[in-house]
N, C-alpha and C. Protein backbone atom coordinates (compact mmCIF):
# COMPACT_ATOMS: atom_id res chain seq x y z
N UNK A 1 -117.12 -105.74 -46.65
CA UNK A 1 -116.42 -105.99 -45.39
C UNK A 1 -115.43 -104.87 -45.13
N UNK A 2 -115.33 -104.44 -43.87
CA UNK A 2 -114.38 -103.39 -43.53
C UNK A 2 -113.08 -104.00 -43.02
N UNK A 3 -112.04 -103.20 -43.06
CA UNK A 3 -110.73 -103.62 -42.55
C UNK A 3 -110.60 -103.09 -41.13
N UNK A 4 -110.11 -103.92 -40.22
CA UNK A 4 -109.93 -103.54 -38.82
C UNK A 4 -108.48 -103.65 -38.42
N UNK A 5 -108.07 -102.79 -37.53
CA UNK A 5 -106.75 -102.85 -36.93
C UNK A 5 -106.97 -103.13 -35.44
N UNK A 6 -106.48 -104.28 -34.96
CA UNK A 6 -106.71 -104.68 -33.58
C UNK A 6 -105.39 -105.00 -32.88
N UNK A 7 -105.28 -104.62 -31.61
CA UNK A 7 -104.11 -105.05 -30.85
C UNK A 7 -104.11 -106.56 -30.70
N UNK A 8 -102.95 -107.19 -30.88
CA UNK A 8 -102.79 -108.62 -30.67
C UNK A 8 -101.65 -108.78 -29.68
N UNK A 9 -101.96 -109.24 -28.49
CA UNK A 9 -101.01 -109.30 -27.40
C UNK A 9 -100.47 -110.72 -27.23
N UNK A 10 -99.16 -110.82 -27.05
CA UNK A 10 -98.52 -112.11 -26.78
C UNK A 10 -98.09 -112.14 -25.33
N UNK A 11 -98.38 -113.26 -24.66
CA UNK A 11 -98.10 -113.40 -23.25
C UNK A 11 -97.14 -114.55 -22.99
N UNK A 12 -96.05 -114.28 -22.27
CA UNK A 12 -95.15 -115.37 -21.88
C UNK A 12 -95.73 -116.10 -20.67
N UNK A 13 -95.15 -117.22 -20.34
CA UNK A 13 -95.47 -117.96 -19.11
C UNK A 13 -96.93 -118.42 -19.04
N UNK A 14 -97.53 -118.69 -20.19
CA UNK A 14 -98.91 -119.22 -20.24
C UNK A 14 -99.90 -118.34 -19.48
N UNK A 15 -99.79 -117.02 -19.65
CA UNK A 15 -100.66 -116.07 -18.95
C UNK A 15 -101.81 -115.55 -19.81
N UNK A 16 -101.92 -116.00 -21.06
CA UNK A 16 -102.93 -115.44 -21.96
C UNK A 16 -104.35 -115.62 -21.45
N UNK A 17 -104.69 -116.82 -21.00
CA UNK A 17 -106.07 -117.05 -20.53
C UNK A 17 -106.39 -116.14 -19.35
N UNK A 18 -105.48 -116.08 -18.38
CA UNK A 18 -105.69 -115.23 -17.21
C UNK A 18 -105.84 -113.76 -17.64
N UNK A 19 -104.98 -113.31 -18.52
CA UNK A 19 -105.04 -111.92 -18.98
C UNK A 19 -106.33 -111.63 -19.73
N UNK A 20 -106.68 -112.48 -20.68
CA UNK A 20 -107.89 -112.24 -21.48
C UNK A 20 -109.14 -112.30 -20.61
N UNK A 21 -109.17 -113.21 -19.63
CA UNK A 21 -110.32 -113.26 -18.72
C UNK A 21 -110.38 -112.01 -17.85
N UNK A 22 -109.22 -111.49 -17.46
CA UNK A 22 -109.17 -110.24 -16.70
C UNK A 22 -109.71 -109.08 -17.54
N UNK A 23 -109.23 -108.95 -18.77
CA UNK A 23 -109.71 -107.88 -19.65
C UNK A 23 -111.22 -108.01 -19.88
N UNK A 24 -111.69 -109.24 -20.02
CA UNK A 24 -113.13 -109.49 -20.19
C UNK A 24 -113.91 -109.03 -18.96
N UNK A 25 -113.37 -109.29 -17.77
CA UNK A 25 -114.06 -108.89 -16.54
C UNK A 25 -114.16 -107.37 -16.43
N UNK A 26 -113.20 -106.65 -16.99
CA UNK A 26 -113.19 -105.19 -16.93
C UNK A 26 -114.00 -104.58 -18.07
N UNK A 27 -113.75 -105.04 -19.29
CA UNK A 27 -114.34 -104.41 -20.48
C UNK A 27 -115.68 -105.00 -20.88
N UNK A 28 -116.01 -106.19 -20.39
CA UNK A 28 -117.26 -106.83 -20.76
C UNK A 28 -117.17 -107.44 -22.15
N UNK A 29 -118.34 -107.76 -22.73
CA UNK A 29 -118.38 -108.31 -24.07
C UNK A 29 -118.32 -109.82 -24.09
N UNK A 30 -117.85 -110.35 -25.21
CA UNK A 30 -117.77 -111.80 -25.39
C UNK A 30 -116.32 -112.21 -25.64
N UNK A 31 -115.91 -113.23 -24.90
CA UNK A 31 -114.55 -113.75 -25.01
C UNK A 31 -114.60 -115.15 -25.61
N UNK A 32 -113.82 -115.37 -26.64
CA UNK A 32 -113.66 -116.71 -27.18
C UNK A 32 -112.18 -117.09 -27.08
N UNK A 33 -111.94 -118.34 -26.71
CA UNK A 33 -110.57 -118.82 -26.52
C UNK A 33 -110.43 -120.16 -27.23
N UNK A 34 -109.38 -120.29 -28.04
CA UNK A 34 -109.05 -121.53 -28.72
C UNK A 34 -107.65 -121.95 -28.23
N UNK A 35 -107.52 -123.17 -27.77
CA UNK A 35 -106.23 -123.65 -27.28
C UNK A 35 -105.46 -124.36 -28.40
N UNK A 36 -104.19 -124.57 -28.16
CA UNK A 36 -103.39 -125.36 -29.10
C UNK A 36 -103.97 -126.77 -29.19
N UNK A 37 -104.49 -127.28 -28.06
CA UNK A 37 -105.11 -128.60 -28.04
C UNK A 37 -106.33 -128.68 -28.93
N UNK A 38 -107.09 -127.59 -29.02
CA UNK A 38 -108.25 -127.55 -29.91
C UNK A 38 -107.85 -127.77 -31.37
N UNK A 39 -106.60 -127.47 -31.67
CA UNK A 39 -106.08 -127.61 -33.04
C UNK A 39 -105.25 -128.88 -33.20
N UNK A 40 -105.31 -129.77 -32.19
CA UNK A 40 -104.65 -131.06 -32.31
C UNK A 40 -103.31 -131.20 -31.62
N UNK A 41 -102.81 -130.15 -31.00
CA UNK A 41 -101.53 -130.23 -30.30
C UNK A 41 -101.71 -131.01 -29.01
N UNK A 42 -100.76 -131.88 -28.70
CA UNK A 42 -100.79 -132.65 -27.47
C UNK A 42 -99.64 -132.23 -26.58
N UNK A 43 -99.70 -132.63 -25.33
CA UNK A 43 -98.62 -132.33 -24.40
C UNK A 43 -98.86 -131.05 -23.64
N UNK A 44 -97.81 -130.51 -23.04
CA UNK A 44 -97.95 -129.34 -22.17
C UNK A 44 -98.51 -128.10 -22.88
N UNK A 45 -98.29 -128.00 -24.16
CA UNK A 45 -98.77 -126.84 -24.93
C UNK A 45 -100.28 -126.90 -25.19
N UNK A 46 -100.88 -128.07 -25.07
CA UNK A 46 -102.28 -128.27 -25.44
C UNK A 46 -103.24 -127.33 -24.72
N UNK A 47 -102.98 -127.01 -23.45
CA UNK A 47 -103.89 -126.16 -22.69
C UNK A 47 -103.62 -124.67 -22.86
N UNK A 48 -102.54 -124.32 -23.53
CA UNK A 48 -102.23 -122.91 -23.72
C UNK A 48 -103.09 -122.30 -24.82
N UNK A 49 -103.25 -120.98 -24.76
CA UNK A 49 -104.12 -120.27 -25.69
C UNK A 49 -103.41 -120.03 -27.02
N UNK A 50 -103.99 -120.57 -28.09
CA UNK A 50 -103.48 -120.32 -29.43
C UNK A 50 -104.05 -119.01 -29.96
N UNK A 51 -105.32 -118.73 -29.62
CA UNK A 51 -105.96 -117.47 -30.03
C UNK A 51 -107.09 -117.15 -29.08
N UNK A 52 -107.05 -115.95 -28.53
CA UNK A 52 -108.14 -115.44 -27.71
C UNK A 52 -108.63 -114.15 -28.34
N UNK A 53 -109.94 -113.95 -28.31
CA UNK A 53 -110.50 -112.73 -28.89
C UNK A 53 -111.61 -112.21 -28.00
N UNK A 54 -111.46 -110.96 -27.59
CA UNK A 54 -112.47 -110.29 -26.79
C UNK A 54 -113.18 -109.26 -27.67
N UNK A 55 -114.47 -109.42 -27.84
CA UNK A 55 -115.31 -108.46 -28.57
C UNK A 55 -116.08 -107.70 -27.49
N UNK A 56 -115.62 -106.51 -27.17
CA UNK A 56 -116.23 -105.71 -26.12
C UNK A 56 -117.22 -104.71 -26.74
N UNK A 57 -118.12 -104.18 -25.93
CA UNK A 57 -119.08 -103.20 -26.44
C UNK A 57 -118.38 -102.01 -27.08
N UNK A 58 -119.06 -101.37 -28.00
CA UNK A 58 -118.52 -100.19 -28.67
C UNK A 58 -117.54 -100.51 -29.78
N UNK A 59 -117.46 -101.78 -30.17
CA UNK A 59 -116.57 -102.14 -31.27
C UNK A 59 -115.14 -102.42 -30.86
N UNK A 60 -114.86 -102.46 -29.56
CA UNK A 60 -113.50 -102.76 -29.11
C UNK A 60 -113.21 -104.23 -29.33
N UNK A 61 -112.05 -104.51 -29.93
CA UNK A 61 -111.61 -105.89 -30.14
C UNK A 61 -110.17 -106.00 -29.65
N UNK A 62 -109.94 -106.97 -28.79
CA UNK A 62 -108.61 -107.22 -28.26
C UNK A 62 -108.32 -108.69 -28.45
N UNK A 63 -107.16 -108.99 -29.02
CA UNK A 63 -106.78 -110.37 -29.28
C UNK A 63 -105.51 -110.70 -28.51
N UNK A 64 -105.32 -111.98 -28.20
CA UNK A 64 -104.11 -112.36 -27.49
C UNK A 64 -103.87 -113.85 -27.55
N UNK A 65 -102.65 -114.24 -27.24
CA UNK A 65 -102.26 -115.64 -27.28
C UNK A 65 -101.07 -115.87 -26.36
N UNK A 66 -100.91 -117.13 -25.97
CA UNK A 66 -99.69 -117.50 -25.26
C UNK A 66 -98.54 -117.50 -26.26
N UNK A 67 -97.36 -117.25 -25.74
CA UNK A 67 -96.17 -117.18 -26.58
C UNK A 67 -95.14 -118.17 -26.07
N UNK A 68 -95.32 -119.44 -26.40
CA UNK A 68 -94.32 -120.42 -25.98
C UNK A 68 -92.95 -120.01 -26.52
N UNK A 69 -91.91 -120.07 -25.69
CA UNK A 69 -90.60 -119.58 -26.11
C UNK A 69 -90.06 -120.23 -27.37
N UNK A 70 -90.49 -121.47 -27.64
CA UNK A 70 -90.02 -122.13 -28.87
C UNK A 70 -90.72 -121.59 -30.12
N UNK A 71 -91.78 -120.77 -29.92
CA UNK A 71 -92.52 -120.21 -31.06
C UNK A 71 -92.36 -118.70 -31.20
N UNK A 72 -92.41 -118.00 -30.07
CA UNK A 72 -92.39 -116.53 -30.08
C UNK A 72 -91.52 -116.03 -28.95
N UNK A 73 -90.65 -115.10 -29.23
CA UNK A 73 -89.85 -114.46 -28.19
C UNK A 73 -90.51 -113.14 -27.81
N UNK A 74 -90.95 -113.03 -26.57
CA UNK A 74 -91.62 -111.82 -26.10
C UNK A 74 -90.61 -110.96 -25.36
N UNK A 75 -90.50 -109.72 -25.79
CA UNK A 75 -89.67 -108.74 -25.11
C UNK A 75 -90.55 -107.54 -24.79
N UNK A 76 -90.78 -107.30 -23.52
CA UNK A 76 -91.61 -106.16 -23.15
C UNK A 76 -90.80 -104.89 -23.28
N UNK A 77 -91.46 -103.84 -23.70
CA UNK A 77 -90.82 -102.55 -23.87
C UNK A 77 -91.87 -101.48 -24.04
N UNK A 78 -91.44 -100.32 -24.45
CA UNK A 78 -92.33 -99.20 -24.61
C UNK A 78 -92.63 -98.90 -26.07
N UNK A 79 -92.44 -99.88 -26.94
CA UNK A 79 -92.64 -99.62 -28.36
C UNK A 79 -94.10 -99.75 -28.79
N UNK A 80 -94.96 -100.38 -27.97
CA UNK A 80 -96.37 -100.52 -28.31
C UNK A 80 -97.21 -100.32 -27.05
N UNK A 81 -98.32 -99.61 -27.18
CA UNK A 81 -99.27 -99.44 -26.09
C UNK A 81 -100.67 -99.64 -26.64
N UNK A 82 -101.58 -100.11 -25.78
CA UNK A 82 -102.99 -100.19 -26.13
C UNK A 82 -103.61 -98.88 -25.66
N UNK A 83 -104.34 -98.22 -26.54
CA UNK A 83 -104.92 -96.92 -26.23
C UNK A 83 -106.44 -97.00 -26.19
N UNK A 84 -107.02 -96.47 -25.12
CA UNK A 84 -108.46 -96.33 -25.00
C UNK A 84 -108.76 -94.84 -24.93
N UNK A 85 -109.64 -94.36 -25.79
CA UNK A 85 -109.94 -92.94 -25.79
C UNK A 85 -111.40 -92.70 -26.11
N UNK A 86 -111.91 -91.60 -25.62
CA UNK A 86 -113.29 -91.23 -25.86
C UNK A 86 -113.50 -89.79 -25.44
N UNK A 87 -114.74 -89.37 -25.51
CA UNK A 87 -115.09 -88.00 -25.15
C UNK A 87 -115.62 -87.90 -23.73
N UNK A 88 -116.04 -86.70 -23.34
CA UNK A 88 -116.56 -86.49 -21.98
C UNK A 88 -117.73 -87.42 -21.64
N UNK A 89 -118.52 -87.80 -22.64
CA UNK A 89 -119.64 -88.71 -22.40
C UNK A 89 -119.17 -90.11 -22.00
N UNK A 90 -117.90 -90.44 -22.26
CA UNK A 90 -117.32 -91.74 -21.92
C UNK A 90 -116.45 -91.69 -20.67
N UNK A 91 -116.37 -90.52 -20.05
CA UNK A 91 -115.41 -90.29 -18.98
C UNK A 91 -115.55 -91.28 -17.82
N UNK A 92 -116.75 -91.50 -17.34
CA UNK A 92 -116.92 -92.41 -16.19
C UNK A 92 -116.46 -93.82 -16.53
N UNK A 93 -116.83 -94.29 -17.72
CA UNK A 93 -116.44 -95.63 -18.13
C UNK A 93 -114.92 -95.73 -18.28
N UNK A 94 -114.30 -94.74 -18.92
CA UNK A 94 -112.86 -94.76 -19.11
C UNK A 94 -112.11 -94.67 -17.79
N UNK A 95 -112.61 -93.84 -16.86
CA UNK A 95 -111.97 -93.75 -15.55
C UNK A 95 -112.06 -95.09 -14.81
N UNK A 96 -113.21 -95.74 -14.92
CA UNK A 96 -113.37 -97.05 -14.29
C UNK A 96 -112.45 -98.09 -14.89
N UNK A 97 -112.31 -98.09 -16.22
CA UNK A 97 -111.42 -99.02 -16.89
C UNK A 97 -109.98 -98.76 -16.48
N UNK A 98 -109.60 -97.48 -16.42
CA UNK A 98 -108.24 -97.13 -16.01
C UNK A 98 -107.95 -97.73 -14.63
N UNK A 99 -108.84 -97.49 -13.68
CA UNK A 99 -108.63 -97.97 -12.31
C UNK A 99 -108.56 -99.50 -12.26
N UNK A 100 -109.47 -100.16 -12.95
CA UNK A 100 -109.53 -101.62 -12.90
C UNK A 100 -108.36 -102.27 -13.61
N UNK A 101 -108.02 -101.79 -14.80
CA UNK A 101 -106.94 -102.39 -15.57
C UNK A 101 -105.57 -102.12 -14.93
N UNK A 102 -105.43 -100.99 -14.25
CA UNK A 102 -104.15 -100.63 -13.63
C UNK A 102 -103.93 -101.35 -12.31
N UNK A 103 -104.98 -101.93 -11.73
CA UNK A 103 -104.85 -102.60 -10.44
C UNK A 103 -103.80 -103.71 -10.51
N UNK A 104 -102.84 -103.65 -9.61
CA UNK A 104 -101.77 -104.64 -9.58
C UNK A 104 -100.64 -104.33 -10.56
N UNK A 105 -100.78 -103.24 -11.30
CA UNK A 105 -99.76 -102.85 -12.27
C UNK A 105 -98.97 -101.66 -11.78
N UNK A 106 -98.43 -100.90 -12.74
CA UNK A 106 -97.58 -99.75 -12.43
C UNK A 106 -98.13 -98.52 -13.15
N UNK A 107 -98.74 -97.61 -12.39
CA UNK A 107 -99.26 -96.37 -12.98
C UNK A 107 -98.08 -95.45 -13.25
N UNK A 108 -97.87 -95.13 -14.53
CA UNK A 108 -96.75 -94.27 -14.91
C UNK A 108 -97.16 -92.80 -14.96
N UNK A 109 -98.44 -92.56 -15.25
CA UNK A 109 -98.99 -91.20 -15.29
C UNK A 109 -100.42 -91.32 -14.80
N UNK A 110 -100.74 -90.75 -13.63
CA UNK A 110 -102.12 -90.82 -13.16
C UNK A 110 -103.08 -90.19 -14.18
N UNK A 111 -104.30 -90.64 -14.18
CA UNK A 111 -105.33 -90.10 -15.07
C UNK A 111 -105.74 -88.75 -14.51
N UNK A 112 -105.27 -87.69 -15.18
CA UNK A 112 -105.51 -86.33 -14.69
C UNK A 112 -105.44 -85.34 -15.84
N UNK A 113 -105.75 -84.09 -15.55
CA UNK A 113 -105.73 -83.04 -16.57
C UNK A 113 -104.36 -82.98 -17.24
N UNK A 114 -104.39 -82.91 -18.58
CA UNK A 114 -103.16 -82.85 -19.37
C UNK A 114 -103.03 -81.45 -19.97
N UNK A 115 -101.81 -81.05 -20.34
CA UNK A 115 -101.59 -79.72 -20.91
C UNK A 115 -102.40 -79.45 -22.18
N UNK A 116 -102.78 -80.47 -22.91
CA UNK A 116 -103.52 -80.26 -24.16
C UNK A 116 -105.03 -80.17 -23.94
N UNK A 117 -105.47 -80.18 -22.66
CA UNK A 117 -106.88 -79.97 -22.37
C UNK A 117 -107.70 -81.21 -22.15
N UNK A 118 -107.11 -82.37 -22.34
CA UNK A 118 -107.81 -83.63 -22.10
C UNK A 118 -107.41 -84.17 -20.72
N UNK A 119 -108.02 -85.25 -20.34
CA UNK A 119 -107.61 -86.01 -19.17
C UNK A 119 -106.84 -87.21 -19.71
N UNK A 120 -105.64 -87.47 -19.18
CA UNK A 120 -104.77 -88.50 -19.75
C UNK A 120 -104.05 -89.24 -18.64
N UNK A 121 -103.84 -90.53 -18.85
CA UNK A 121 -103.05 -91.33 -17.93
C UNK A 121 -102.47 -92.53 -18.64
N UNK A 122 -101.46 -93.13 -18.04
CA UNK A 122 -100.87 -94.33 -18.63
C UNK A 122 -100.34 -95.24 -17.53
N UNK A 123 -100.34 -96.53 -17.84
CA UNK A 123 -99.90 -97.53 -16.88
C UNK A 123 -99.45 -98.78 -17.62
N UNK A 124 -98.72 -99.63 -16.90
CA UNK A 124 -98.38 -100.97 -17.37
C UNK A 124 -99.16 -101.91 -16.48
N UNK A 125 -99.99 -102.76 -17.08
CA UNK A 125 -100.84 -103.64 -16.27
C UNK A 125 -100.02 -104.80 -15.69
N UNK A 126 -100.67 -105.61 -14.89
CA UNK A 126 -99.97 -106.69 -14.19
C UNK A 126 -99.47 -107.78 -15.11
N UNK A 127 -99.82 -107.71 -16.39
CA UNK A 127 -99.33 -108.68 -17.38
C UNK A 127 -98.22 -108.09 -18.25
N UNK A 128 -97.79 -106.85 -17.94
CA UNK A 128 -96.70 -106.22 -18.68
C UNK A 128 -97.14 -105.45 -19.91
N UNK A 129 -98.45 -105.24 -20.09
CA UNK A 129 -98.97 -104.53 -21.25
C UNK A 129 -99.12 -103.05 -20.91
N UNK A 130 -98.61 -102.18 -21.80
CA UNK A 130 -98.71 -100.73 -21.62
C UNK A 130 -100.05 -100.23 -22.16
N UNK A 131 -100.70 -99.36 -21.39
CA UNK A 131 -102.00 -98.80 -21.75
C UNK A 131 -101.95 -97.28 -21.66
N UNK A 132 -102.68 -96.62 -22.54
CA UNK A 132 -102.89 -95.18 -22.52
C UNK A 132 -104.39 -94.94 -22.45
N UNK A 133 -104.83 -93.99 -21.65
CA UNK A 133 -106.25 -93.63 -21.58
C UNK A 133 -106.34 -92.12 -21.75
N UNK A 134 -107.19 -91.69 -22.69
CA UNK A 134 -107.38 -90.28 -22.97
C UNK A 134 -108.87 -89.96 -23.02
N UNK A 135 -109.28 -88.95 -22.26
CA UNK A 135 -110.66 -88.49 -22.27
C UNK A 135 -110.66 -87.07 -22.84
N UNK A 136 -111.11 -86.95 -24.08
CA UNK A 136 -111.06 -85.67 -24.79
C UNK A 136 -111.91 -84.61 -24.10
N UNK A 137 -111.31 -83.46 -23.85
CA UNK A 137 -112.03 -82.33 -23.32
C UNK A 137 -112.50 -82.48 -21.89
N UNK A 138 -112.16 -83.55 -21.23
CA UNK A 138 -112.67 -83.79 -19.87
C UNK A 138 -112.10 -82.81 -18.87
N UNK A 139 -110.88 -82.32 -19.11
CA UNK A 139 -110.25 -81.41 -18.15
C UNK A 139 -110.99 -80.08 -18.07
N UNK A 140 -111.68 -79.71 -19.15
CA UNK A 140 -112.38 -78.43 -19.19
C UNK A 140 -113.74 -78.51 -18.50
N UNK A 141 -114.22 -79.73 -18.24
CA UNK A 141 -115.56 -79.85 -17.66
C UNK A 141 -115.57 -79.76 -16.16
């Protein structure tokens, strides 16, 4: 068995299902969602996401959950970003993902030629998650 490092995103205000379904609509793959209710929790928390996992093509795995304030304190900042990167052969797909994921968010750096020779951009999506997209060598093509 191999060891994997995957982003695990926490969402305040019961936004995990909406966010994970949005990422699924953009990235494709298979989404599984387990609620607190699936694990026996009753009451208002029962419908919230305890664990969501998106297995997208190409080995991409993104995980997320709701962060009820009594369990997890979410503070958005610039200390963590989700990064998507690939080569020129992935350029169209990465450009499409950038446009779709950034919709309704805040583009901080448009996806364009970077000084290091790649195409690079960054944004904060409508759920407050920071993303980086890098297309290696795309600026030279």
